[in-house]
Amino acid sequence: MKFPSPDTVHPVRFPDGTSLPNNVFLKAVIDHPRIEVGDYTYANDFDPPAAPSDWASRLAPYLFPNSRDRLIIGKFGQIAHGVRFITHDANHDMRGISTFPFAIHDPERFSGYTDTLPRGRDTIIGHDVWIGAEARVLPGARLGSGVIIGSGAVVGGEIADYSVVVGNPGRVIRSRFAPEVVERLLQVAWWDWPIENILEHEALIVGADITALEAVAA
């Protein structure tokens, strides 16, 4: 089986050999000091950035090289059209009477503006997370592994592993599996296997027989 390496820019290829420009492995295109992306996590957008290097600013437009928080995305993530990670530098200082950011309009104070904002925590996305079209992930959100975020959802806070979240504000409508099954899946952690083992047992990973998956765990 031919499978692209995680440093492939456009990993989806058609039988005629042409690639799908809408789809990228993010690890191959993002070189940003405040963003970390795991292997095989992809983004797909019907209006992709003009240059592959622009994906960082497309997905996290308020995360700058001098930002104090980070965006960390796990392995095998699936990020749909229009998703945005709204990080802490999108905030305005709300401790005073006005929230107007006067400093960003003054070149001498622009670079220091973020230092005046309250320190925010990192935004962390687990492994095998599917984020639906036009969803918004708020500053400091922590999404567990196996989470599904519905289209258009606005999600913040802590989301437990294998939860399904919809709506604005985002709410957990169900867990994909019973708690004991979630714990077993986290123990299996198939996303950490060598890619050869993952491909060999693809049918089990996308199937529903957890016992069989445990039996072949690397």
Protein backbone atom coordinates (compact mmCIF):
# COMPACT_ATOMS: atom_id res chain seq x y z
CA MET A 1 0.00 0.00 0.00
CA LYS A 2 1.32 3.42 -0.93
CA PHE A 3 0.80 5.97 1.80
CA PRO A 4 2.25 9.50 1.82
CA SER A 5 4.86 10.50 4.36
CA PRO A 6 3.83 13.16 6.91
CA ASP A 7 6.03 15.74 5.19
CA THR A 8 3.99 15.54 1.97
CA VAL A 9 2.38 18.89 1.16
CA HIS A 10 -0.58 17.57 -0.84
CA PRO A 11 -1.15 13.97 0.31
CA VAL A 12 -4.37 13.22 -1.61
CA ARG A 13 -3.56 11.95 -5.09
CA PHE A 14 -5.97 10.84 -7.78
CA PRO A 15 -5.44 7.74 -9.95
CA ASP A 16 -4.07 9.93 -12.77
CA GLY A 17 -1.29 11.16 -10.47
CA THR A 18 -2.57 14.67 -9.90
CA SER A 19 -2.90 15.95 -6.33
CA LEU A 20 -5.73 17.71 -4.52
CA PRO A 21 -4.54 21.28 -3.80
CA ASN A 22 -7.26 21.85 -1.20
CA ASN A 23 -5.76 19.28 1.16
CA VAL A 24 -2.44 19.51 3.04
CA PHE A 25 -0.56 17.68 5.75
CA LEU A 26 -0.07 20.57 8.16
CA LYS A 27 3.29 19.40 9.45
CA ALA A 28 4.64 19.87 5.92
CA VAL A 29 3.44 23.46 5.49
CA ILE A 30 3.51 25.08 8.93
CA ASP A 31 6.77 26.56 10.17
CA HIS A 32 5.67 28.73 13.08
CA PRO A 33 7.42 29.02 16.45
CA ARG A 34 4.14 28.85 18.38
CA ILE A 35 2.44 25.99 16.49
CA GLU A 36 3.14 22.28 16.85
CA VAL A 37 1.35 19.73 14.65
CA GLY A 38 1.56 15.94 14.79
CA ASP A 39 2.13 13.56 11.90
CA TYR A 40 -0.65 13.00 9.34
CA THR A 41 -2.94 15.76 10.60
CA TYR A 42 -4.51 17.38 7.56
CA ALA A 43 -6.56 20.45 6.74
CA ASN A 44 -8.91 20.79 3.81
CA ASP A 45 -10.30 24.07 2.52
CA PHE A 46 -12.32 24.84 -0.60
CA ASP A 47 -10.51 28.20 -0.76
CA PRO A 48 -6.97 27.21 0.22
CA PRO A 49 -4.27 29.81 0.91
CA ALA A 50 -2.34 31.04 -2.10
CA ALA A 51 0.90 29.59 -0.73
CA PRO A 52 1.28 26.50 1.47
CA SER A 53 3.25 28.59 3.96
CA ASP A 54 0.12 30.69 4.59
CA TRP A 55 -1.75 27.85 6.32
CA ALA A 56 -0.57 28.95 9.77
CA SER A 57 -2.14 32.39 9.44
CA ARG A 58 -5.25 30.89 7.84
CA LEU A 59 -5.95 28.52 10.72
CA ALA A 60 -4.67 30.67 13.60
CA PRO A 61 -4.76 34.29 12.39
CA TYR A 62 -4.12 35.80 15.82
CA LEU A 63 -1.14 33.64 16.77
CA PHE A 64 2.03 35.61 16.14
CA PRO A 65 5.69 34.63 16.47
CA ASN A 66 5.93 36.69 19.67
CA SER A 67 2.69 35.36 21.17
CA ARG A 68 3.00 33.85 24.62
CA ASP A 69 0.58 30.96 24.10
CA ARG A 70 0.88 28.03 21.71
CA LEU A 71 -1.36 25.92 19.49
CA ILE A 72 -0.62 22.21 19.80
CA ILE A 73 -2.41 19.74 17.53
CA GLY A 74 -1.99 15.97 17.81
CA LYS A 75 -1.57 13.27 15.19
CA PHE A 76 -4.12 12.15 12.58
CA GLY A 77 -6.32 15.22 13.01
CA GLN A 78 -8.94 16.17 10.44
CA ILE A 79 -9.62 19.88 10.02
CA ALA A 80 -12.39 20.91 7.67
CA HIS A 81 -13.07 24.02 5.59
CA GLY A 82 -13.18 27.33 7.42
CA VAL A 83 -11.98 26.15 10.83
CA ARG A 84 -10.28 28.85 12.93
CA PHE A 85 -8.32 28.62 16.15
CA ILE A 86 -8.96 31.88 18.01
CA THR A 87 -5.92 32.25 20.27
CA HIS A 88 -5.29 34.70 23.11
CA ASP A 89 -3.84 37.53 21.06
CA ALA A 90 -7.31 38.02 19.58
CA ASN A 91 -8.35 39.34 22.99
CA HIS A 92 -8.60 42.95 24.13
CA ASP A 93 -7.82 44.06 27.65
CA MET A 94 -11.15 44.05 29.50
CA ARG A 95 -9.90 45.23 32.89
CA GLY A 96 -10.48 48.93 32.23
CA ILE A 97 -13.31 51.15 31.06
CA SER A 98 -12.64 50.80 27.32
CA THR A 99 -11.51 47.73 25.41
CA PHE A 100 -10.18 49.78 22.45
CA PRO A 101 -6.59 48.68 21.66
CA PHE A 102 -4.97 52.10 21.28
CA ALA A 103 -1.47 50.61 21.39
CA ILE A 104 -1.78 48.64 18.15
CA HIS A 105 -2.29 51.90 16.30
CA ASP A 106 0.96 53.32 17.64
CA PRO A 107 4.05 51.81 15.95
CA GLU A 108 6.18 52.43 19.01
CA ARG A 109 3.85 50.44 21.25
CA PHE A 110 2.55 47.84 18.79
CA SER A 111 5.02 45.06 19.55
CA GLY A 112 4.49 45.32 23.29
CA TYR A 113 0.70 45.27 23.24
CA THR A 114 0.37 41.53 23.81
CA ASP A 115 2.47 41.84 26.96
CA THR A 116 -0.29 43.99 28.48
CA LEU A 117 -2.89 41.23 28.08
CA PRO A 118 -3.53 38.61 30.77
CA ARG A 119 -1.46 35.49 30.11
CA GLY A 120 -3.56 32.75 28.48
CA ARG A 121 -3.00 29.03 28.40
CA ASP A 122 -2.07 26.99 25.34
CA THR A 123 -4.74 25.60 23.03
CA ILE A 124 -4.27 21.83 22.86
CA ILE A 125 -5.97 19.45 20.43
CA GLY A 126 -5.65 15.70 21.00
CA HIS A 127 -5.08 12.90 18.50
CA ASP A 128 -7.62 11.73 15.90
CA VAL A 129 -9.81 14.82 16.38
CA TRP A 130 -12.27 15.75 13.64
CA ILE A 131 -13.18 19.46 13.55
CA GLY A 132 -16.12 20.20 11.25
CA ALA A 133 -16.53 23.01 8.74
CA GLU A 134 -16.51 26.61 10.02
CA ALA A 135 -15.98 25.58 13.65
CA ARG A 136 -14.28 27.98 16.03
CA VAL A 137 -11.94 26.79 18.76
CA LEU A 138 -11.61 29.39 21.51
CA PRO A 139 -8.45 30.46 23.37
CA GLY A 140 -7.08 27.87 25.75
CA ALA A 141 -9.46 25.10 24.69
CA ARG A 142 -8.38 21.54 25.46
CA LEU A 143 -9.93 18.94 23.16
CA GLY A 144 -9.29 15.33 24.09
CA SER A 145 -8.36 12.60 21.64
CA GLY A 146 -11.10 11.16 19.44
CA VAL A 147 -13.30 14.26 19.82
CA ILE A 148 -15.71 15.26 17.05
CA ILE A 149 -16.63 18.95 16.70
CA GLY A 150 -19.74 19.61 14.64
CA SER A 151 -19.90 22.13 11.80
CA GLY A 152 -20.19 25.71 13.00
CA ALA A 153 -19.62 24.85 16.64
CA VAL A 154 -17.88 27.35 18.95
CA VAL A 155 -15.86 25.36 21.44
CA GLY A 156 -13.93 26.32 24.54
CA GLY A 157 -12.85 24.82 27.83
CA GLU A 158 -12.12 21.15 28.49
CA ILE A 159 -13.68 18.54 26.22
CA ALA A 160 -13.30 14.93 27.34
CA ASP A 161 -11.82 12.27 25.06
CA TYR A 162 -14.21 10.84 22.45
CA SER A 163 -16.92 13.44 23.05
CA VAL A 164 -19.21 14.83 20.34
CA VAL A 165 -19.70 18.62 20.52
CA VAL A 166 -22.19 20.78 18.61
CA GLY A 167 -23.64 24.28 18.75
CA ASN A 168 -22.81 27.80 19.90
CA PRO A 169 -21.86 27.73 22.66
CA GLY A 170 -20.50 24.26 22.06
CA ARG A 171 -21.99 21.55 24.23
CA VAL A 172 -21.24 17.87 24.56
CA ILE A 173 -24.23 15.93 23.29
CA ARG A 174 -22.82 12.47 23.89
CA SER A 175 -19.75 10.36 24.31
CA ARG A 176 -18.85 8.17 21.38
CA PHE A 177 -18.15 5.24 23.70
CA ALA A 178 -18.75 4.13 27.27
CA PRO A 179 -16.15 5.38 29.80
CA GLU A 180 -14.47 2.01 30.15
CA VAL A 181 -14.16 1.73 26.37
CA VAL A 182 -12.64 5.22 26.15
CA GLU A 183 -10.01 4.18 28.68
CA ARG A 184 -9.20 1.07 26.66
CA LEU A 185 -8.85 3.12 23.48
CA LEU A 186 -6.51 5.56 25.18
CA GLN A 187 -4.41 2.63 26.33
CA VAL A 188 -4.26 1.27 22.77
CA ALA A 189 -3.20 4.73 21.45
CA TRP A 190 -3.04 3.47 17.88
CA TRP A 191 -1.85 6.90 16.66
CA ASP A 192 1.52 6.22 18.30
CA TRP A 193 2.09 2.97 16.42
CA PRO A 194 4.57 2.83 13.53
CA ILE A 195 2.76 3.76 10.34
CA GLU A 196 3.37 0.27 8.92
CA ASN A 197 1.42 -1.26 11.82
CA ILE A 198 -1.34 1.29 11.45
CA LEU A 199 -1.76 0.51 7.75
CA GLU A 200 -1.64 -3.22 8.39
CA HIS A 201 -4.49 -2.96 10.88
CA GLU A 202 -6.44 -0.15 9.23
CA ALA A 203 -9.63 -2.21 9.11
CA LEU A 204 -9.56 -2.66 12.88
CA ILE A 205 -8.78 0.99 13.55
CA VAL A 206 -11.75 2.20 11.52
CA GLY A 207 -13.89 -0.72 12.65
CA ALA A 208 -15.75 -1.29 15.90
CA ASP A 209 -14.12 -4.39 17.42
CA ILE A 210 -12.09 -2.93 20.26
CA THR A 211 -11.05 -6.32 21.61
CA ALA A 212 -9.54 -7.25 18.27
CA LEU A 213 -7.72 -3.91 18.14
CA GLU A 214 -6.30 -4.50 21.61
CA ALA A 215 -5.07 -7.91 20.52
CA VAL A 216 -2.83 -6.42 17.81
CA ALA A 217 -1.74 -3.32 19.76
CA ALA A 218 1.87 -2.46 19.02
